[in-house]
Protein backbone atom coordinates (compact mmCIF):
# COMPACT_ATOMS: atom_id res chain seq x y z
CA UNK A 1 0.06 0.28 -0.19
CA UNK A 2 1.18 3.46 -0.74
CA UNK A 3 1.94 5.42 2.52
CA UNK A 4 0.23 8.35 1.41
CA UNK A 5 -3.07 6.66 1.89
CA UNK A 6 -1.89 6.21 5.44
CA UNK A 7 -2.00 9.79 5.86
CA UNK A 8 -5.02 12.19 6.95
CA UNK A 9 -5.96 15.16 4.14
CA UNK A 10 -4.97 18.12 4.19
CA UNK A 11 -6.57 21.50 3.98
CA UNK A 12 -10.07 23.26 4.25
CA UNK A 13 -10.97 22.83 0.76
CA UNK A 14 -12.24 19.98 -1.05
CA UNK A 15 -10.28 19.12 -3.93
CA UNK A 16 -11.65 17.20 -6.66
CA UNK A 17 -8.54 15.44 -7.83
CA UNK A 18 -7.52 13.87 -4.88
CA UNK A 19 -11.17 12.53 -4.17
CA UNK A 20 -10.87 11.57 -7.99
CA UNK A 21 -7.34 10.10 -7.15
CA UNK A 22 -8.80 8.01 -4.08
CA UNK A 23 -10.20 5.19 -6.68
CA UNK A 24 -7.16 3.83 -6.62
CA UNK A 25 -7.03 3.51 -2.85
CA UNK A 26 -10.36 2.17 -2.43
CA UNK A 27 -9.09 -1.16 -4.13
CA UNK A 28 -8.32 -1.84 -0.45
CA UNK A 29 -11.77 -1.85 1.23
CA UNK A 30 -14.76 -4.07 0.53
CA UNK A 31 -18.02 -2.19 1.43
CA UNK A 32 -19.91 -5.37 0.01
CA UNK A 33 -18.51 -7.39 3.73
CA UNK A 34 -19.67 -6.79 7.16
CA UNK A 35 -17.16 -7.68 9.46
CA UNK A 36 -17.45 -8.86 13.63
CA UNK A 37 -15.65 -5.53 14.11
CA UNK A 38 -18.73 -3.78 12.65
CA UNK A 39 -21.30 -6.00 14.39
CA UNK A 40 -19.80 -5.12 17.94
CA UNK A 41 -20.26 -1.63 17.44
CA UNK A 42 -24.05 -2.09 15.89
CA UNK A 43 -24.56 -3.70 19.77
CA UNK A 44 -25.89 -7.15 18.64
CA UNK A 45 -24.98 -9.75 16.01
CA UNK A 46 -25.39 -7.92 12.46
CA UNK A 47 -26.37 -9.89 9.54
CA UNK A 48 -25.13 -9.76 6.18
CA UNK A 49 -28.37 -10.72 4.80
CA UNK A 50 -30.28 -7.53 7.20
CA UNK A 51 -32.13 -5.67 5.00
CA UNK A 52 -31.87 -7.38 2.12
CA UNK A 53 -34.82 -7.63 -0.55
CA UNK A 54 -36.46 -10.60 -1.68
CA UNK A 55 -38.10 -11.49 -4.84
CA UNK A 56 -41.27 -13.99 -5.42
CA UNK A 57 -39.66 -16.81 -7.91
CA UNK A 58 -42.83 -19.07 -8.31
CA UNK A 59 -45.69 -21.01 -6.32
CA UNK A 60 -45.29 -25.01 -6.22
CA UNK A 61 -47.33 -27.53 -4.50
CA UNK A 62 -46.52 -27.21 -0.55
CA UNK A 63 -44.37 -30.23 0.81
CA UNK A 64 -43.76 -31.43 3.94
CA UNK A 65 -41.13 -28.78 6.02
CA UNK A 66 -42.06 -25.63 3.75
CA UNK A 67 -43.03 -22.18 6.08
CA UNK A 68 -46.95 -22.27 6.16
CA UNK A 69 -46.70 -18.67 6.34
CA UNK A 70 -45.18 -19.13 2.50
CA UNK A 71 -48.84 -20.56 1.59
CA UNK A 72 -50.70 -18.76 -1.22
CA UNK A 73 -54.38 -19.51 -0.02
CA UNK A 74 -55.75 -18.03 -3.25
CA UNK A 75 -54.05 -20.95 -5.38
CA UNK A 76 -54.99 -23.23 -2.49
CA UNK A 77 -58.62 -22.33 -2.74
CA UNK A 78 -58.50 -22.44 -6.17
CA UNK A 79 -56.80 -25.61 -6.77
CA UNK A 80 -58.08 -27.69 -3.61
CA UNK A 81 -54.52 -28.30 -2.85
CA UNK A 82 -52.06 -26.62 -0.35
CA UNK A 83 -49.61 -24.36 -2.79
CA UNK A 84 -46.40 -22.34 -1.11
CA UNK A 85 -45.00 -19.06 -2.75
CA UNK A 86 -41.20 -19.79 -3.26
CA UNK A 87 -38.83 -16.44 -3.32
CA UNK A 88 -34.80 -15.83 -4.03
CA UNK A 89 -33.19 -13.10 -2.36
CA UNK A 90 -31.90 -10.32 -4.07
CA UNK A 91 -28.18 -10.22 -4.78
CA UNK A 92 -27.94 -6.15 -5.45
CA UNK A 93 -27.81 -4.01 -2.56
CA UNK A 94 -27.28 -0.29 -3.63
CA UNK A 95 -25.04 1.67 -1.61
CA UNK A 96 -26.13 5.17 -0.78
CA UNK A 97 -23.92 7.71 0.60
CA UNK A 98 -25.39 10.65 2.65
CA UNK A 99 -22.62 13.28 3.15
CA UNK A 100 -23.27 16.51 5.87
CA UNK A 101 -20.89 19.05 4.50
CA UNK A 102 -23.22 21.59 6.67
CA UNK A 103 -21.43 24.97 7.87
CA UNK A 104 -20.40 22.83 11.62
CA UNK A 105 -18.15 20.56 9.27
CA UNK A 106 -16.33 23.85 8.10
CA UNK A 107 -14.12 23.33 10.97
CA UNK A 108 -10.74 21.53 12.13
CA UNK A 109 -7.72 22.36 14.07
CA UNK A 110 -5.37 19.56 12.87
CA UNK A 111 -4.67 18.79 9.44
CA UNK A 112 -8.11 19.43 7.57
CA UNK A 113 -11.59 20.68 8.07
CA UNK A 114 -14.24 18.18 8.92
CA UNK A 115 -16.02 18.59 5.93
CA UNK A 116 -12.15 17.39 3.82
CA UNK A 117 -12.10 14.71 5.82
CA UNK A 118 -16.22 13.60 5.05
CA UNK A 119 -15.69 13.96 1.05
CA UNK A 120 -12.47 11.73 1.13
CA UNK A 121 -14.63 9.11 3.13
CA UNK A 122 -17.46 9.20 0.89
CA UNK A 123 -15.42 8.94 -1.89
CA UNK A 124 -13.57 5.92 -0.75
CA UNK A 125 -16.58 4.07 0.07
CA UNK A 126 -18.81 5.52 -3.34
CA UNK A 127 -15.77 4.08 -5.25
CA UNK A 128 -15.31 0.83 -3.57
CA UNK A 129 -18.71 -0.01 -3.56
CA UNK A 130 -18.25 0.64 -7.71
CA UNK A 131 -15.40 -1.61 -7.60
CA UNK A 132 -17.47 -4.50 -6.15
CA UNK A 133 -20.02 -4.14 -9.30
CA UNK A 134 -22.76 -2.45 -7.06
CA UNK A 135 -24.74 0.59 -7.87
CA UNK A 136 -24.12 3.69 -6.11
CA UNK A 137 -25.82 7.03 -5.25
CA UNK A 138 -26.18 9.18 -2.37
CA UNK A 139 -26.87 12.83 -1.23
CA UNK A 140 -24.92 16.14 -0.60
CA UNK A 141 -26.43 18.33 1.61
CA UNK A 142 -24.78 22.19 2.20
CA UNK A 143 -26.91 24.94 3.62
CA UNK A 144 -30.51 24.35 3.47
CA UNK A 145 -29.58 22.58 -0.51
CA UNK A 146 -29.34 18.98 -0.57
CA UNK A 147 -28.63 17.57 -3.63
CA UNK A 148 -29.60 13.79 -4.00
CA UNK A 149 -28.15 11.03 -6.63
CA UNK A 150 -30.41 8.20 -7.95
CA UNK A 151 -27.97 4.26 -7.78
CA UNK A 152 -26.51 3.69 -11.20
CA UNK A 153 -23.92 1.29 -11.61
CA UNK A 154 -22.04 4.61 -13.60
CA UNK A 155 -18.56 6.25 -13.15
CA UNK A 156 -20.39 9.03 -13.87
CA UNK A 157 -22.81 8.82 -11.16
CA UNK A 158 -19.73 8.86 -8.61
CA UNK A 159 -18.18 11.48 -10.56
CA UNK A 160 -21.43 13.46 -10.22
CA UNK A 161 -21.43 13.11 -6.10
CA UNK A 162 -17.86 14.16 -5.82
CA UNK A 163 -18.90 17.28 -8.18
CA UNK A 164 -21.72 18.24 -5.75
CA UNK A 165 -19.01 18.13 -2.43
CA UNK A 166 -16.18 20.11 -4.38
CA UNK A 167 -18.48 23.15 -5.48
CA UNK A 168 -20.54 24.29 -2.54
CA UNK A 169 -22.87 26.89 -3.13
CA UNK A 170 -22.26 31.03 -2.70
CA UNK A 171 -24.90 31.26 0.50
CA UNK A 172 -24.14 27.87 2.51
CA UNK A 173 -22.89 30.04 5.24
CA UNK A 174 -25.73 32.82 4.63
CA UNK A 175 -28.49 30.68 4.09
CA UNK A 176 -30.35 28.62 6.44
CA UNK A 177 -29.62 25.15 7.92
CA UNK A 178 -31.16 21.90 6.97
CA UNK A 179 -31.90 19.88 10.18
CA UNK A 180 -30.18 15.89 10.18
CA UNK A 181 -34.08 15.20 10.19
CA UNK A 182 -35.00 16.88 7.39
CA UNK A 183 -31.93 15.23 5.36
CA UNK A 184 -32.92 11.67 6.42
CA UNK A 185 -36.44 12.58 4.99
CA UNK A 186 -34.95 13.65 1.77
CA UNK A 187 -32.89 10.22 1.50
CA UNK A 188 -35.47 8.25 2.24
CA UNK A 189 -36.91 9.11 -1.35
CA UNK A 190 -33.75 7.41 -3.11
CA UNK A 191 -33.26 4.65 -0.09
CA UNK A 192 -35.34 1.30 -1.51
CA UNK A 193 -35.45 -1.40 1.38
CA UNK A 194 -32.29 -3.59 0.87
CA UNK A 195 -30.12 -0.46 0.22
CA UNK A 196 -26.82 0.19 2.35
CA UNK A 197 -26.64 3.55 3.61
CA UNK A 198 -23.47 5.50 4.87
CA UNK A 199 -24.42 8.31 7.04
CA UNK A 200 -21.44 10.56 7.30
CA UNK A 201 -21.92 13.79 9.76
CA UNK A 202 -20.42 14.88 12.88
CA UNK A 203 -24.07 14.16 14.16
CA UNK A 204 -24.09 17.21 16.24
CA UNK A 205 -28.07 17.33 16.09
CA UNK A 206 -28.31 13.71 15.24
CA UNK A 207 -30.29 12.62 18.67
CA UNK A 208 -32.82 15.15 17.60
CA UNK A 209 -36.43 13.37 18.13
CA UNK A 210 -37.13 13.97 14.17
CA UNK A 211 -34.04 12.60 13.23
CA UNK A 212 -34.19 9.32 15.44
CA UNK A 213 -38.46 8.70 14.23
CA UNK A 214 -36.83 8.80 10.55
CA UNK A 215 -34.44 6.32 11.48
CA UNK A 216 -36.08 4.15 13.12
CA UNK A 217 -38.38 3.53 10.01
CA UNK A 218 -35.10 3.14 7.99
CA UNK A 219 -32.98 0.78 9.61
CA UNK A 220 -36.30 -1.80 9.57
CA UNK A 221 -35.51 -2.01 5.89
CA UNK A 222 -32.15 -0.37 4.90
CA UNK A 223 -28.68 -1.33 6.51
CA UNK A 224 -27.38 2.21 7.99
CA UNK A 225 -23.78 2.49 8.95
CA UNK A 226 -22.96 5.91 10.75
CA UNK A 227 -19.51 7.50 10.20
CA UNK A 228 -18.74 10.41 13.00
CA UNK A 229 -16.65 13.07 11.59
CA UNK A 230 -15.02 14.82 14.71
CA UNK A 231 -11.87 16.94 15.82
CA UNK A 232 -9.77 16.60 18.80
CA UNK A 233 -10.52 20.67 19.51
CA UNK A 234 -14.22 19.86 19.79
CA UNK A 235 -13.19 17.71 22.99
CA UNK A 236 -10.22 19.02 24.55
CA UNK A 237 -9.65 22.62 24.96
CA UNK A 238 -6.01 24.20 23.39
CA UNK A 239 -3.15 24.68 26.63
CA UNK A 240 -4.10 27.46 29.43
CA UNK A 241 -4.00 30.72 27.76
CA UNK A 242 -6.62 33.52 26.72
CA UNK A 243 -7.37 32.91 22.80
CA UNK A 244 -9.13 35.38 20.74
CA UNK A 245 -12.36 33.32 18.93
CA UNK A 246 -14.43 34.10 15.67
CA UNK A 247 -17.33 32.27 14.62
CA UNK A 248 -20.38 33.64 12.20
CA UNK A 249 -21.96 35.45 14.93
CA UNK A 250 -18.92 37.62 15.80
CA UNK A 251 -15.87 37.66 17.82
CA UNK A 252 -15.18 36.65 21.97
CA UNK A 253 -12.44 35.60 23.49
CA UNK A 254 -11.99 32.36 25.82
CA UNK A 255 -10.01 31.38 28.76
CA UNK A 256 -8.65 28.23 28.86
CA UNK A 257 -6.50 28.25 32.30
CA UNK A 258 -10.12 27.40 33.92
CA UNK A 259 -9.84 23.98 34.59
CA UNK A 260 -13.90 23.55 35.34
CA UNK A 261 -14.28 25.05 32.14
CA UNK A 262 -12.34 23.18 30.41
CA UNK A 263 -13.47 19.60 32.25
CA UNK A 264 -16.85 20.66 31.51
CA UNK A 265 -16.30 21.06 28.13
CA UNK A 266 -14.55 17.69 27.86
CA UNK A 267 -17.60 16.21 29.73
CA UNK A 268 -20.41 17.51 27.37
CA UNK A 269 -18.75 16.21 24.36
CA UNK A 270 -18.27 12.82 25.49
CA UNK A 271 -21.83 12.72 27.24
CA UNK A 272 -23.37 13.50 23.58
CA UNK A 273 -21.10 10.95 21.99
CA UNK A 274 -21.99 8.31 24.49
CA UNK A 275 -25.31 9.05 24.12
CA UNK A 276 -25.32 9.27 20.50
CA UNK A 277 -24.02 5.43 20.54
CA UNK A 278 -26.54 4.24 22.65
CA UNK A 279 -29.03 5.20 20.24
CA UNK A 280 -27.82 3.95 17.64
CA UNK A 281 -27.27 0.84 19.37
CA UNK A 282 -30.75 0.52 19.86
CA UNK A 283 -31.99 0.91 15.96
CA UNK A 284 -28.36 -1.63 15.53
CA UNK A 285 -26.80 1.56 13.45
CA UNK A 286 -23.17 1.20 14.02
CA UNK A 287 -21.03 4.64 14.82
CA UNK A 288 -17.35 4.63 12.91
CA UNK A 289 -15.64 7.43 14.62
CA UNK A 290 -13.27 8.98 12.24
CA UNK A 291 -10.98 12.07 13.32
CA UNK A 292 -9.31 14.96 11.72
CA UNK A 293 -6.16 13.02 13.05
CA UNK A 294 -6.59 10.09 10.95
CA UNK A 295 -6.71 9.17 7.48
CA UNK A 296 -9.87 7.46 6.60
CA UNK A 297 -8.75 4.11 4.40
CA UNK A 298 -7.01 2.77 7.65
CA UNK A 299 -10.04 3.22 10.05
CA UNK A 300 -12.44 1.87 7.25
CA UNK A 301 -9.98 -1.18 6.57
CA UNK A 302 -10.89 -1.96 10.28
CA UNK A 303 -14.50 -2.85 9.17
CA UNK A 304 -14.64 -3.26 5.25
CA UNK A 305 -11.07 -5.55 5.17
CA UNK A 306 -11.27 -7.17 1.41
CA UNK A 307 -9.65 -10.20 3.21
């Protein structure tokens, strides 16, 4: 493996060329496979078949051992002999990747912005799925805009999603923000039963009741994996000192010499993460944690190794 793949992304801007080049490192992943490490994150045994749909095959005469729940009562009544329906499992599992690039993702204190890391992670997943012969699609959320792409087995589809990630709208910082629950409602339009859905976000509003309710509905038919993007500064304040900080609302100062403030800051982040994991485990949704201090490929390989 090229050691460059083991280095975190760099910078504050999403570079289209780098996302296209990630096609080569995506060969070291197989997102169509689920291993025990991912099942452990979900809080229970995670079946390879979970969420995969079935298609009707034929009706034949009932024989001992057949599932009585599959009896075709109409044919049985018409023929006078018990008949049962046969089904075969769908072999195709479209892979969808939803990428959160809202304003809170445009932050980072190490190597890159969270948005850049999210885009690199999404590209790896998309290229890996396409390389394994699956249809791919997804959604890119920026501000109030959510651009969805229906699944297709096409390189053009991946390039289209990459283009969306690399071209933020001009009014993204000033326009209203789509909530996480609203994103999930929109992704339902293209997430058909049997799909595999990756949600890439910092999940700062991932515990919103509306979001959890929609996730519960989605998880009944779709195999969902969450990838939580974070930055070290979101948990641990800088070394003791007084800092000038600025956000969209203005400037202020921050005194990190206050030990109680630092401890409370850390505890709030840890508590949110624990509650998020607990809630998602209850829905059998694994949550992979990824920091701006890490390269996405080695982390993803722990859960989607091709071997």
